[in-house]
Amino acid sequence: MEVDMKSLFLLILLGCFSLSWATVQKGNLAGTVRDKISQQPLVGVNIVVENTIQGAASDVNGNYFIPALQPGSYNISFQYLGYQTVLKSNIIINPGKTTVLDVIMEADVLESESIEVTASYFQKPLDAVVSSRSVDMEEIRRSPGSNLDIQRVMQALPAVVSASDQNNEIIIRGGNPGENLFIMDEIEIPNPNHFGQHGEGGGPINMINTLMV
């Protein structure tokens, strides 16, 4: 009877030691997470031990610590917004020891659809002086009531008025219509109009082919 009691006591004692030994012999995982280029610590990186419920987040110094991991091999995932996910495979956790795993994370380049920028019909040159105005064929075509007459198009501009509806003469800032200078292909044209009078700057209709503008 005494032998049986001693055996039972030894079994209980060994069980307690085994339980204590198993508890103590779990391993830990620790390390630091940094940016690849700046080498600055990354705060708030999610560290996940895959296929477990264990994990951690890096602190203000980029450090993390995951305690009480069963000894074995694990896959560790590092996830951070704006950075490429890092997966470390087959990380060995030894009993009673802390495995150090430092990680460098690289910023993720976000790809978007290409954007095509094209000039509009009415784009103005960036270096244009204040008193200049440029028009093209499309703007002439869209101008109401112009009948593709460049001078009638100009009558709609600020500080420009017409002498009459029967004539396309333009008066710029109160000047005389004959003071206007017309140049085409670097050649001065005194009056580019059909049936224009000598000394005048207008006529019934302009003779310049607006398809050439």
N, C-alpha and C. Protein backbone atom coordinates (compact mmCIF):
# COMPACT_ATOMS: atom_id res chain seq x y z
N MET A 1 0.83 -1.20 0.00
CA MET A 1 0.00 0.00 0.00
C MET A 1 0.86 1.25 0.00
N GLU A 2 1.96 1.20 0.80
CA GLU A 2 2.87 2.34 0.85
C GLU A 2 3.55 2.55 -0.50
N VAL A 3 3.84 1.45 -1.21
CA VAL A 3 4.49 1.56 -2.51
C VAL A 3 3.57 2.24 -3.51
N ASP A 4 2.28 1.87 -3.45
CA ASP A 4 1.32 2.49 -4.37
C ASP A 4 1.17 3.97 -4.10
N MET A 5 1.16 4.36 -2.82
CA MET A 5 1.03 5.77 -2.46
C MET A 5 2.25 6.55 -2.93
N LYS A 6 3.43 5.95 -2.77
CA LYS A 6 4.65 6.63 -3.22
C LYS A 6 4.66 6.79 -4.74
N SER A 7 4.21 5.76 -5.44
CA SER A 7 4.17 5.83 -6.90
C SER A 7 3.21 6.91 -7.37
N LEU A 8 2.04 6.98 -6.70
CA LEU A 8 1.06 7.99 -7.06
C LEU A 8 1.60 9.39 -6.80
N PHE A 9 2.31 9.55 -5.68
CA PHE A 9 2.89 10.85 -5.35
C PHE A 9 3.94 11.27 -6.38
N LEU A 10 4.75 10.29 -6.78
CA LEU A 10 5.78 10.59 -7.78
C LEU A 10 5.16 10.97 -9.12
N LEU A 11 4.08 10.27 -9.49
CA LEU A 11 3.42 10.60 -10.75
C LEU A 11 2.84 12.01 -10.73
N ILE A 12 2.22 12.37 -9.60
CA ILE A 12 1.65 13.72 -9.48
C ILE A 12 2.76 14.76 -9.53
N LEU A 13 3.87 14.49 -8.84
CA LEU A 13 4.99 15.42 -8.80
C LEU A 13 5.60 15.59 -10.19
N LEU A 14 5.75 14.48 -10.90
CA LEU A 14 6.30 14.55 -12.26
C LEU A 14 5.35 15.30 -13.19
N GLY A 15 4.05 15.11 -13.00
CA GLY A 15 3.07 15.83 -13.82
C GLY A 15 3.15 17.32 -13.60
N CYS A 16 3.32 17.73 -12.36
CA CYS A 16 3.45 19.16 -12.06
C CYS A 16 4.70 19.75 -12.69
N PHE A 17 5.80 19.01 -12.57
CA PHE A 17 7.04 19.48 -13.17
C PHE A 17 6.92 19.57 -14.70
N SER A 18 6.26 18.58 -15.28
CA SER A 18 6.10 18.57 -16.74
C SER A 18 5.26 19.75 -17.21
N LEU A 19 4.17 20.04 -16.45
CA LEU A 19 3.31 21.17 -16.80
C LEU A 19 4.07 22.48 -16.67
N SER A 20 4.83 22.61 -15.59
CA SER A 20 5.62 23.82 -15.38
C SER A 20 6.69 23.96 -16.46
N TRP A 21 7.31 22.86 -16.80
CA TRP A 21 8.36 22.87 -17.82
C TRP A 21 7.79 23.26 -19.19
N ALA A 22 6.60 22.73 -19.51
CA ALA A 22 5.98 23.05 -20.79
C ALA A 22 5.60 24.51 -20.88
N THR A 23 5.15 25.09 -19.74
CA THR A 23 4.77 26.49 -19.72
C THR A 23 5.98 27.40 -19.89
N VAL A 24 7.04 27.09 -19.22
CA VAL A 24 8.24 27.91 -19.26
C VAL A 24 8.91 27.82 -20.62
N GLN A 25 8.82 26.70 -21.26
CA GLN A 25 9.59 26.45 -22.47
C GLN A 25 8.97 26.99 -23.75
N LYS A 26 7.98 27.85 -23.67
CA LYS A 26 7.49 28.53 -24.87
C LYS A 26 8.50 29.58 -25.32
N GLY A 27 8.49 29.89 -26.61
CA GLY A 27 9.43 30.87 -27.14
C GLY A 27 8.77 32.20 -27.47
N ASN A 28 9.59 33.18 -27.78
CA ASN A 28 9.11 34.52 -28.11
C ASN A 28 9.67 34.96 -29.46
N LEU A 29 9.01 35.96 -30.03
CA LEU A 29 9.47 36.54 -31.29
C LEU A 29 9.54 38.06 -31.12
N ALA A 30 10.66 38.66 -31.50
CA ALA A 30 10.83 40.10 -31.35
C ALA A 30 11.67 40.64 -32.50
N GLY A 31 11.61 41.95 -32.68
CA GLY A 31 12.41 42.57 -33.73
C GLY A 31 12.03 44.01 -33.96
N THR A 32 12.58 44.59 -35.02
CA THR A 32 12.34 45.98 -35.38
C THR A 32 11.97 46.06 -36.86
N VAL A 33 11.03 46.95 -37.18
CA VAL A 33 10.59 47.14 -38.56
C VAL A 33 11.00 48.54 -39.00
N ARG A 34 11.70 48.64 -40.14
CA ARG A 34 12.18 49.93 -40.63
C ARG A 34 11.85 50.12 -42.12
N ASP A 35 11.88 51.40 -42.53
CA ASP A 35 11.70 51.74 -43.94
C ASP A 35 12.98 51.44 -44.71
N LYS A 36 12.83 50.94 -45.93
CA LYS A 36 14.00 50.52 -46.71
C LYS A 36 14.91 51.69 -47.06
N ILE A 37 14.34 52.83 -47.43
CA ILE A 37 15.14 53.95 -47.90
C ILE A 37 15.64 54.81 -46.75
N SER A 38 14.73 55.24 -45.88
CA SER A 38 15.10 56.16 -44.81
C SER A 38 15.68 55.47 -43.59
N GLN A 39 15.44 54.17 -43.48
CA GLN A 39 15.86 53.40 -42.30
C GLN A 39 15.19 53.88 -41.01
N GLN A 40 14.13 54.65 -41.16
CA GLN A 40 13.38 55.10 -39.99
C GLN A 40 12.44 54.00 -39.53
N PRO A 41 12.19 53.91 -38.20
CA PRO A 41 11.26 52.90 -37.70
C PRO A 41 9.84 53.16 -38.17
N LEU A 42 9.11 52.11 -38.43
CA LEU A 42 7.72 52.21 -38.86
C LEU A 42 6.81 51.90 -37.68
N VAL A 43 5.87 52.79 -37.44
CA VAL A 43 4.96 52.67 -36.29
C VAL A 43 3.64 52.07 -36.74
N GLY A 44 3.15 51.10 -35.99
CA GLY A 44 1.83 50.53 -36.27
C GLY A 44 1.80 49.45 -37.32
N VAL A 45 2.95 48.84 -37.60
CA VAL A 45 2.97 47.72 -38.55
C VAL A 45 2.28 46.52 -37.91
N ASN A 46 1.39 45.87 -38.64
CA ASN A 46 0.71 44.68 -38.14
C ASN A 46 1.57 43.45 -38.40
N ILE A 47 1.93 42.77 -37.32
CA ILE A 47 2.71 41.54 -37.43
C ILE A 47 1.80 40.39 -37.05
N VAL A 48 1.62 39.46 -37.97
CA VAL A 48 0.67 38.36 -37.78
C VAL A 48 1.41 37.03 -37.89
N VAL A 49 1.21 36.18 -36.88
CA VAL A 49 1.72 34.81 -36.94
C VAL A 49 0.64 33.98 -37.63
N GLU A 50 0.91 33.58 -38.85
CA GLU A 50 -0.11 32.91 -39.65
C GLU A 50 -0.54 31.59 -39.03
N ASN A 51 -1.84 31.30 -39.22
CA ASN A 51 -2.48 30.08 -38.70
C ASN A 51 -2.55 30.06 -37.18
N THR A 52 -2.43 31.24 -36.56
CA THR A 52 -2.62 31.38 -35.12
C THR A 52 -3.43 32.64 -34.88
N ILE A 53 -3.77 32.87 -33.62
CA ILE A 53 -4.46 34.11 -33.25
C ILE A 53 -3.49 35.11 -32.64
N GLN A 54 -2.21 34.83 -32.72
CA GLN A 54 -1.21 35.67 -32.09
C GLN A 54 -0.64 36.68 -33.09
N GLY A 55 -0.27 37.82 -32.56
CA GLY A 55 0.30 38.87 -33.37
C GLY A 55 0.63 40.07 -32.51
N ALA A 56 1.07 41.15 -33.16
CA ALA A 56 1.44 42.36 -32.43
C ALA A 56 1.49 43.52 -33.42
N ALA A 57 1.74 44.72 -32.89
CA ALA A 57 1.93 45.92 -33.71
C ALA A 57 3.20 46.61 -33.25
N SER A 58 3.94 47.17 -34.18
CA SER A 58 5.19 47.84 -33.83
C SER A 58 4.92 49.14 -33.09
N ASP A 59 5.80 49.49 -32.14
CA ASP A 59 5.63 50.69 -31.34
C ASP A 59 6.29 51.89 -32.03
N VAL A 60 6.43 52.99 -31.28
CA VAL A 60 6.97 54.23 -31.85
C VAL A 60 8.43 54.06 -32.29
N ASN A 61 9.10 53.07 -31.76
CA ASN A 61 10.48 52.82 -32.15
C ASN A 61 10.59 51.71 -33.20
N GLY A 62 9.44 51.26 -33.69
CA GLY A 62 9.44 50.20 -34.68
C GLY A 62 9.63 48.81 -34.10
N ASN A 63 9.64 48.70 -32.77
CA ASN A 63 9.88 47.41 -32.13
C ASN A 63 8.57 46.65 -31.92
N TYR A 64 8.65 45.35 -31.95
CA TYR A 64 7.49 44.50 -31.65
C TYR A 64 7.93 43.31 -30.82
N PHE A 65 6.97 42.69 -30.12
CA PHE A 65 7.27 41.53 -29.27
C PHE A 65 6.04 40.64 -29.21
N ILE A 66 6.22 39.39 -29.60
CA ILE A 66 5.13 38.41 -29.54
C ILE A 66 5.56 37.30 -28.58
N PRO A 67 4.93 37.20 -27.40
CA PRO A 67 5.36 36.22 -26.41
C PRO A 67 4.62 34.89 -26.53
N ALA A 68 5.14 33.92 -25.80
CA ALA A 68 4.46 32.64 -25.55
C ALA A 68 4.05 31.92 -26.83
N LEU A 69 5.00 31.75 -27.72
CA LEU A 69 4.74 30.96 -28.92
C LEU A 69 5.21 29.52 -28.70
N GLN A 70 4.40 28.59 -29.13
CA GLN A 70 4.81 27.20 -29.03
C GLN A 70 6.03 26.97 -29.93
N PRO A 71 6.99 26.20 -29.49
CA PRO A 71 8.16 25.91 -30.32
C PRO A 71 7.73 25.30 -31.66
N GLY A 72 8.39 25.75 -32.71
CA GLY A 72 8.06 25.23 -34.03
C GLY A 72 8.44 26.21 -35.12
N SER A 73 7.93 25.96 -36.30
CA SER A 73 8.21 26.80 -37.47
C SER A 73 6.96 27.58 -37.84
N TYR A 74 7.14 28.89 -38.11
CA TYR A 74 5.99 29.76 -38.39
C TYR A 74 6.27 30.62 -39.63
N ASN A 75 5.19 31.04 -40.25
CA ASN A 75 5.23 32.07 -41.29
C ASN A 75 4.74 33.37 -40.67
N ILE A 76 5.55 34.43 -40.79
CA ILE A 76 5.23 35.71 -40.16
C ILE A 76 4.95 36.74 -41.24
N SER A 77 3.81 37.42 -41.13
CA SER A 77 3.40 38.41 -42.12
C SER A 77 3.50 39.81 -41.52
N PHE A 78 4.08 40.74 -42.30
CA PHE A 78 4.21 42.14 -41.89
C PHE A 78 3.40 42.99 -42.87
N GLN A 79 2.39 43.69 -42.36
CA GLN A 79 1.48 44.45 -43.21
C GLN A 79 1.41 45.90 -42.72
N TYR A 80 1.52 46.83 -43.69
CA TYR A 80 1.50 48.25 -43.34
C TYR A 80 0.94 49.03 -44.53
N LEU A 81 0.04 49.96 -44.25
CA LEU A 81 -0.60 50.72 -45.31
C LEU A 81 0.42 51.54 -46.10
N GLY A 82 0.39 51.39 -47.42
CA GLY A 82 1.32 52.12 -48.28
C GLY A 82 2.64 51.40 -48.50
N TYR A 83 2.76 50.19 -47.94
CA TYR A 83 4.00 49.41 -48.08
C TYR A 83 3.67 48.02 -48.60
N GLN A 84 4.66 47.42 -49.25
CA GLN A 84 4.49 46.06 -49.73
C GLN A 84 4.50 45.09 -48.56
N THR A 85 3.57 44.15 -48.58
CA THR A 85 3.51 43.15 -47.51
C THR A 85 4.75 42.26 -47.56
N VAL A 86 5.30 42.01 -46.37
CA VAL A 86 6.49 41.16 -46.26
C VAL A 86 6.10 39.86 -45.58
N LEU A 87 6.47 38.74 -46.17
CA LEU A 87 6.18 37.43 -45.60
C LEU A 87 7.49 36.70 -45.34
N LYS A 88 7.71 36.38 -44.09
CA LYS A 88 8.90 35.63 -43.70
C LYS A 88 8.48 34.20 -43.38
N SER A 89 9.07 33.24 -44.10
CA SER A 89 8.66 31.85 -43.97
C SER A 89 9.65 31.05 -43.12
N ASN A 90 9.12 30.01 -42.50
CA ASN A 90 9.92 29.04 -41.74
C ASN A 90 10.78 29.70 -40.67
N ILE A 91 10.16 30.58 -39.90
CA ILE A 91 10.85 31.19 -38.77
C ILE A 91 10.78 30.22 -37.59
N ILE A 92 11.93 29.84 -37.09
CA ILE A 92 12.00 28.83 -36.03
C ILE A 92 11.90 29.50 -34.66
N ILE A 93 10.97 29.01 -33.85
CA ILE A 93 10.83 29.44 -32.46
C ILE A 93 11.34 28.32 -31.58
N ASN A 94 12.37 28.61 -30.81
CA ASN A 94 12.98 27.62 -29.93
C ASN A 94 12.42 27.76 -28.52
N PRO A 95 12.32 26.67 -27.78
CA PRO A 95 11.78 26.73 -26.42
C PRO A 95 12.68 27.55 -25.49
N GLY A 96 12.04 28.43 -24.73
CA GLY A 96 12.77 29.21 -23.74
C GLY A 96 13.66 30.30 -24.32
N LYS A 97 13.52 30.60 -25.62
CA LYS A 97 14.38 31.61 -26.24
C LYS A 97 13.53 32.63 -27.02
N THR A 98 14.15 33.78 -27.28
CA THR A 98 13.50 34.82 -28.08
C THR A 98 14.18 34.89 -29.44
N THR A 99 13.43 34.63 -30.46
CA THR A 99 13.94 34.72 -31.83
C THR A 99 13.83 36.17 -32.31
N VAL A 100 14.93 36.71 -32.80
CA VAL A 100 14.96 38.10 -33.27
C VAL A 100 14.78 38.11 -34.79
N LEU A 101 13.79 38.86 -35.24
CA LEU A 101 13.50 38.96 -36.67
C LEU A 101 13.29 40.43 -37.03
N ASP A 102 14.34 41.06 -37.57
CA ASP A 102 14.25 42.45 -38.04
C ASP A 102 13.81 42.46 -39.50
N VAL A 103 12.98 43.43 -39.84
CA VAL A 103 12.38 43.46 -41.18
C VAL A 103 12.52 44.85 -41.79
N ILE A 104 12.84 44.88 -43.07
CA ILE A 104 12.86 46.12 -43.86
C ILE A 104 11.67 46.09 -44.81
N MET A 105 10.87 47.17 -44.79
CA MET A 105 9.69 47.24 -45.66
C MET A 105 9.89 48.32 -46.72
N GLU A 106 9.38 48.03 -47.91
CA GLU A 106 9.54 48.93 -49.05
C GLU A 106 8.20 49.55 -49.41
N ALA A 107 8.23 50.86 -49.65
CA ALA A 107 7.00 51.57 -50.02
C ALA A 107 6.42 50.99 -51.30
N ASP A 108 5.10 50.88 -51.32
CA ASP A 108 4.41 50.31 -52.48
C ASP A 108 4.09 51.41 -53.48
N VAL A 109 4.44 51.20 -54.73
CA VAL A 109 4.14 52.16 -55.79
C VAL A 109 2.74 51.87 -56.31
N LEU A 110 1.84 52.84 -56.10
CA LEU A 110 0.46 52.66 -56.53
C LEU A 110 0.34 52.99 -58.01
N GLU A 111 -0.13 52.05 -58.79
CA GLU A 111 -0.30 52.26 -60.22
C GLU A 111 -1.74 52.66 -60.52
N SER A 112 -1.88 53.65 -61.36
CA SER A 112 -3.21 54.11 -61.76
C SER A 112 -3.30 54.14 -63.28
N GLU A 113 -4.49 54.37 -63.77
CA GLU A 113 -4.67 54.46 -65.21
C GLU A 113 -3.95 55.69 -65.75
N SER A 114 -3.47 55.56 -66.97
CA SER A 114 -2.75 56.67 -67.59
C SER A 114 -3.71 57.83 -67.84
N ILE A 115 -3.19 59.04 -67.74
CA ILE A 115 -3.96 60.25 -67.95
C ILE A 115 -3.37 60.98 -69.16
N GLU A 116 -4.20 61.23 -70.14
CA GLU A 116 -3.76 61.91 -71.35
C GLU A 116 -4.22 63.36 -71.31
N VAL A 117 -3.29 64.27 -71.48
CA VAL A 117 -3.60 65.70 -71.46
C VAL A 117 -3.44 66.24 -72.87
N THR A 118 -4.49 66.83 -73.38
CA THR A 118 -4.45 67.41 -74.72
C THR A 118 -4.87 68.87 -74.67
N ALA A 119 -4.38 69.64 -75.63
CA ALA A 119 -4.71 71.06 -75.68
C ALA A 119 -6.12 71.24 -76.23
N SER A 120 -6.81 72.25 -75.72
CA SER A 120 -8.14 72.55 -76.22
C SER A 120 -8.04 73.38 -77.50
N TYR A 121 -9.17 73.57 -78.15
CA TYR A 121 -9.20 74.39 -79.36
C TYR A 121 -8.76 75.82 -79.07
N PHE A 122 -9.06 76.28 -77.85
CA PHE A 122 -8.87 77.69 -77.56
C PHE A 122 -7.74 77.93 -76.57
N GLN A 123 -6.75 77.07 -76.56
CA GLN A 123 -5.63 77.23 -75.65
C GLN A 123 -4.82 78.47 -76.00
N LYS A 124 -4.47 79.22 -74.97
CA LYS A 124 -3.68 80.43 -75.16
C LYS A 124 -2.22 80.15 -74.83
N PRO A 125 -1.29 80.76 -75.54
CA PRO A 125 0.13 80.60 -75.18
C PRO A 125 0.40 81.18 -73.81
N LEU A 126 1.21 80.47 -73.01
CA LEU A 126 1.48 80.90 -71.65
C LEU A 126 2.28 82.19 -71.60
N ASP A 127 3.09 82.45 -72.62
CA ASP A 127 3.95 83.64 -72.62
C ASP A 127 3.33 84.79 -73.40
N ALA A 128 2.03 84.73 -73.67
CA ALA A 128 1.39 85.79 -74.45
C ALA A 128 1.30 87.07 -73.63
N VAL A 129 1.49 88.21 -74.31
CA VAL A 129 1.35 89.50 -73.64
C VAL A 129 -0.13 89.80 -73.46
N VAL A 130 -0.42 90.81 -72.63
CA VAL A 130 -1.81 91.08 -72.26
C VAL A 130 -2.65 91.48 -73.46
N SER A 131 -2.09 92.27 -74.40
CA SER A 131 -2.88 92.84 -75.49
C SER A 131 -2.99 91.93 -76.71
N SER A 132 -2.50 90.71 -76.63
CA SER A 132 -2.58 89.81 -77.78
C SER A 132 -3.77 88.87 -77.63
N ARG A 133 -4.26 88.42 -78.77
CA ARG A 133 -5.37 87.46 -78.78
C ARG A 133 -5.18 86.53 -79.95
N SER A 134 -5.24 85.24 -79.68
CA SER A 134 -5.01 84.25 -80.72
C SER A 134 -6.28 83.44 -80.95
N VAL A 135 -6.64 83.25 -82.22
CA VAL A 135 -7.79 82.43 -82.57
C VAL A 135 -7.37 81.44 -83.64
N ASP A 136 -8.06 80.31 -83.69
CA ASP A 136 -7.77 79.33 -84.73
C ASP A 136 -9.03 79.09 -85.56
N MET A 137 -8.90 78.20 -86.52
CA MET A 137 -10.01 77.94 -87.45
C MET A 137 -11.25 77.45 -86.72
N GLU A 138 -11.09 76.63 -85.74
CA GLU A 138 -12.25 76.09 -85.03
C GLU A 138 -12.99 77.18 -84.28
N GLU A 139 -12.25 78.10 -83.68
CA GLU A 139 -12.89 79.20 -82.96
C GLU A 139 -13.60 80.15 -83.93
N ILE A 140 -13.01 80.35 -85.10
CA ILE A 140 -13.66 81.18 -86.13
C ILE A 140 -14.95 80.51 -86.60
N ARG A 141 -14.90 79.21 -86.81
CA ARG A 141 -16.07 78.48 -87.28
C ARG A 141 -17.22 78.54 -86.27
N ARG A 142 -16.88 78.51 -84.99
CA ARG A 142 -17.91 78.50 -83.96
C ARG A 142 -18.45 79.89 -83.62
N SER A 143 -17.80 80.91 -84.10
CA SER A 143 -18.23 82.27 -83.76
C SER A 143 -19.55 82.59 -84.46
N PRO A 144 -20.61 82.93 -83.71
CA PRO A 144 -21.93 83.17 -84.32
C PRO A 144 -21.94 84.47 -85.14
N GLY A 145 -22.52 84.40 -86.33
CA GLY A 145 -22.69 85.58 -87.16
C GLY A 145 -21.45 86.07 -87.85
N SER A 146 -20.36 85.35 -87.76
CA SER A 146 -19.11 85.83 -88.35
C SER A 146 -19.00 85.51 -89.83
N ASN A 147 -19.71 84.47 -90.27
CA ASN A 147 -19.64 84.05 -91.68
C ASN A 147 -18.19 83.76 -92.10
N LEU A 148 -17.43 83.23 -91.16
CA LEU A 148 -16.02 82.89 -91.38
C LEU A 148 -15.16 84.10 -91.74
N ASP A 149 -15.61 85.27 -91.32
CA ASP A 149 -14.88 86.52 -91.56
C ASP A 149 -14.07 86.84 -90.31
N ILE A 150 -12.74 86.84 -90.44
CA ILE A 150 -11.88 87.02 -89.28
C ILE A 150 -12.11 88.37 -88.60
N GLN A 151 -12.41 89.42 -89.39
CA GLN A 151 -12.62 90.73 -88.79
C GLN A 151 -13.94 90.79 -88.02
N ARG A 152 -14.95 90.09 -88.50
CA ARG A 152 -16.21 90.05 -87.76
C ARG A 152 -16.07 89.22 -86.48
N VAL A 153 -15.21 88.24 -86.51
CA VAL A 153 -14.92 87.48 -85.28
C VAL A 153 -14.28 88.40 -84.25
N MET A 154 -13.37 89.26 -84.69
CA MET A 154 -12.67 90.16 -83.78
C MET A 154 -13.58 91.21 -83.18
N GLN A 155 -14.73 91.49 -83.83
CA GLN A 155 -15.66 92.48 -83.30
C GLN A 155 -16.27 92.04 -81.97
N ALA A 156 -16.19 90.76 -81.66
CA ALA A 156 -16.73 90.24 -80.40
C ALA A 156 -15.72 90.33 -79.26
N LEU A 157 -14.51 90.80 -79.53
CA LEU A 157 -13.48 90.88 -78.50
C LEU A 157 -13.64 92.15 -77.68
N PRO A 158 -13.14 92.16 -76.45
CA PRO A 158 -13.19 93.36 -75.62
C PRO A 158 -12.43 94.52 -76.28
N ALA A 159 -12.94 95.73 -76.13
CA ALA A 159 -12.32 96.97 -76.64
C ALA A 159 -12.32 97.04 -78.15
N VAL A 160 -13.10 96.18 -78.82
CA VAL A 160 -13.20 96.19 -80.27
C VAL A 160 -14.67 96.39 -80.65
N VAL A 161 -14.94 97.36 -81.51
CA VAL A 161 -16.31 97.61 -81.98
C VAL A 161 -16.30 97.70 -83.50
N SER A 162 -17.49 97.64 -84.09
CA SER A 162 -17.61 97.74 -85.55
C SER A 162 -18.20 99.09 -85.93
N ALA A 163 -17.87 99.53 -87.14
CA ALA A 163 -18.40 100.81 -87.62
C ALA A 163 -19.87 100.67 -88.00
N SER A 164 -20.23 99.55 -88.65
CA SER A 164 -21.62 99.31 -89.04
C SER A 164 -21.77 97.84 -89.38
N ASP A 165 -23.03 97.41 -89.50
CA ASP A 165 -23.28 96.02 -89.86
C ASP A 165 -22.96 95.75 -91.33
N GLN A 166 -22.90 96.79 -92.15
CA GLN A 166 -22.64 96.63 -93.57
C GLN A 166 -21.15 96.52 -93.88
N ASN A 167 -20.33 96.74 -92.88
CA ASN A 167 -18.89 96.78 -93.09
C ASN A 167 -18.22 96.03 -91.95
N ASN A 168 -17.14 95.34 -92.26
CA ASN A 168 -16.43 94.59 -91.22
C ASN A 168 -15.28 95.36 -90.60
N GLU A 169 -15.26 96.68 -90.81
CA GLU A 169 -14.20 97.48 -90.19
C GLU A 169 -14.22 97.30 -88.68
N ILE A 170 -13.05 97.29 -88.10
CA ILE A 170 -12.94 97.16 -86.64
C ILE A 170 -12.26 98.39 -86.07
N ILE A 171 -12.83 98.88 -84.99
CA ILE A 171 -12.28 100.03 -84.28
C ILE A 171 -11.74 99.51 -82.95
N ILE A 172 -10.44 99.61 -82.78
CA ILE A 172 -9.77 99.06 -81.60
C ILE A 172 -9.41 100.20 -80.66
N ARG A 173 -9.99 100.17 -79.48
CA ARG A 173 -9.70 101.16 -78.44
C ARG A 173 -9.86 102.60 -78.95
N GLY A 174 -10.87 102.81 -79.76
CA GLY A 174 -11.17 104.15 -80.22
C GLY A 174 -10.34 104.64 -81.38
N GLY A 175 -9.48 103.80 -81.93
CA GLY A 175 -8.62 104.21 -83.04
C GLY A 175 -9.36 104.22 -84.36
N ASN A 176 -8.68 104.68 -85.39
CA ASN A 176 -9.24 104.71 -86.73
C ASN A 176 -9.09 103.34 -87.38
N PRO A 177 -10.12 102.83 -88.09
CA PRO A 177 -9.99 101.53 -88.74
C PRO A 177 -8.81 101.45 -89.70
N GLY A 178 -8.41 102.59 -90.29
CA GLY A 178 -7.28 102.57 -91.21
C GLY A 178 -5.94 102.42 -90.52
N GLU A 179 -5.92 102.52 -89.18
CA GLU A 179 -4.67 102.38 -88.44
C GLU A 179 -4.30 100.92 -88.19
N ASN A 180 -5.23 100.02 -88.43
CA ASN A 180 -4.95 98.60 -88.17
C ASN A 180 -4.01 98.04 -89.23
N LEU A 181 -3.10 97.21 -88.78
CA LEU A 181 -2.12 96.60 -89.67
C LEU A 181 -2.41 95.11 -89.79
N PHE A 182 -2.55 94.64 -91.01
CA PHE A 182 -2.79 93.22 -91.27
C PHE A 182 -1.53 92.62 -91.87
N ILE A 183 -1.07 91.52 -91.28
CA ILE A 183 0.14 90.84 -91.76
C ILE A 183 -0.20 89.37 -91.97
N MET A 184 0.17 88.85 -93.11
CA MET A 184 -0.04 87.44 -93.42
C MET A 184 1.24 86.87 -94.00
N ASP A 185 1.75 85.83 -93.36
CA ASP A 185 3.02 85.23 -93.78
C ASP A 185 4.11 86.28 -93.85
N GLU A 186 4.12 87.18 -92.86
CA GLU A 186 5.11 88.24 -92.72
C GLU A 186 5.03 89.27 -93.85
N ILE A 187 3.89 89.33 -94.52
CA ILE A 187 3.67 90.32 -95.58
C ILE A 187 2.54 91.25 -95.15
N GLU A 188 2.79 92.56 -95.19
CA GLU A 188 1.77 93.52 -94.81
C GLU A 188 0.70 93.62 -95.90
N ILE A 189 -0.56 93.63 -95.45
CA ILE A 189 -1.70 93.75 -96.37
C ILE A 189 -2.46 95.02 -96.00
N PRO A 190 -2.51 96.01 -96.86
CA PRO A 190 -3.18 97.28 -96.52
C PRO A 190 -4.65 97.08 -96.13
N ASN A 191 -5.39 96.34 -96.94
CA ASN A 191 -6.80 96.11 -96.64
C ASN A 191 -7.19 94.74 -97.20
N PRO A 192 -7.31 93.74 -96.34
CA PRO A 192 -7.56 92.38 -96.82
C PRO A 192 -9.05 92.10 -97.05
N ASN A 193 -9.75 92.99 -97.75
CA ASN A 193 -11.18 92.83 -97.95
C ASN A 193 -11.56 93.04 -99.41
N HIS A 194 -12.63 92.39 -99.80
CA HIS A 194 -13.21 92.62 -101.12
C HIS A 194 -13.91 93.99 -101.14
N PHE A 195 -13.69 94.74 -102.22
CA PHE A 195 -14.34 96.03 -102.44
C PHE A 195 -14.02 97.04 -101.33
N GLY A 196 -12.83 96.91 -100.75
CA GLY A 196 -12.43 97.87 -99.73
C GLY A 196 -12.02 99.20 -100.34
N GLN A 197 -12.31 100.30 -99.67
CA GLN A 197 -11.96 101.63 -100.14
C GLN A 197 -10.55 101.98 -99.72
N HIS A 198 -9.90 102.83 -100.54
CA HIS A 198 -8.54 103.24 -100.24
C HIS A 198 -8.50 104.00 -98.91
N GLY A 199 -7.55 103.62 -98.05
CA GLY A 199 -7.40 104.27 -96.76
C GLY A 199 -8.29 103.71 -95.68
N GLU A 200 -9.15 102.79 -96.04
CA GLU A 200 -10.01 102.16 -95.04
C GLU A 200 -9.41 100.81 -94.63
N GLY A 201 -9.96 100.27 -93.56
CA GLY A 201 -9.46 98.98 -93.09
C GLY A 201 -10.50 97.90 -93.13
N GLY A 202 -11.56 98.12 -93.91
CA GLY A 202 -12.61 97.12 -93.95
C GLY A 202 -13.29 97.07 -95.28
N GLY A 203 -14.36 96.26 -95.34
CA GLY A 203 -15.12 96.09 -96.56
C GLY A 203 -16.29 95.18 -96.28
N PRO A 204 -17.02 94.79 -97.30
CA PRO A 204 -18.18 93.91 -97.09
C PRO A 204 -17.79 92.55 -96.53
N ILE A 205 -16.69 91.98 -97.02
CA ILE A 205 -16.29 90.66 -96.56
C ILE A 205 -14.78 90.50 -96.71
N ASN A 206 -14.19 89.84 -95.77
CA ASN A 206 -12.75 89.64 -95.78
C ASN A 206 -12.36 88.61 -96.81
N MET A 207 -11.24 88.83 -97.48
CA MET A 207 -10.79 87.93 -98.53
C MET A 207 -9.83 86.85 -98.01
N ILE A 208 -9.44 86.91 -96.75
CA ILE A 208 -8.50 85.92 -96.20
C ILE A 208 -9.23 84.60 -96.02
N ASN A 209 -8.68 83.55 -96.58
CA ASN A 209 -9.25 82.21 -96.43
C ASN A 209 -8.98 81.73 -95.01
N THR A 210 -10.05 81.61 -94.24
CA THR A 210 -9.87 81.23 -92.83
C THR A 210 -9.39 79.79 -92.68
N LEU A 211 -9.46 78.99 -93.72
CA LEU A 211 -8.90 77.64 -93.66
C LEU A 211 -7.39 77.69 -93.51
N MET A 212 -6.80 78.83 -93.81
CA MET A 212 -5.35 79.00 -93.71
C MET A 212 -4.94 79.50 -92.33
N VAL A 213 -5.91 79.82 -91.48
CA VAL A 213 -5.59 80.38 -90.16
C VAL A 213 -5.20 79.25 -89.23
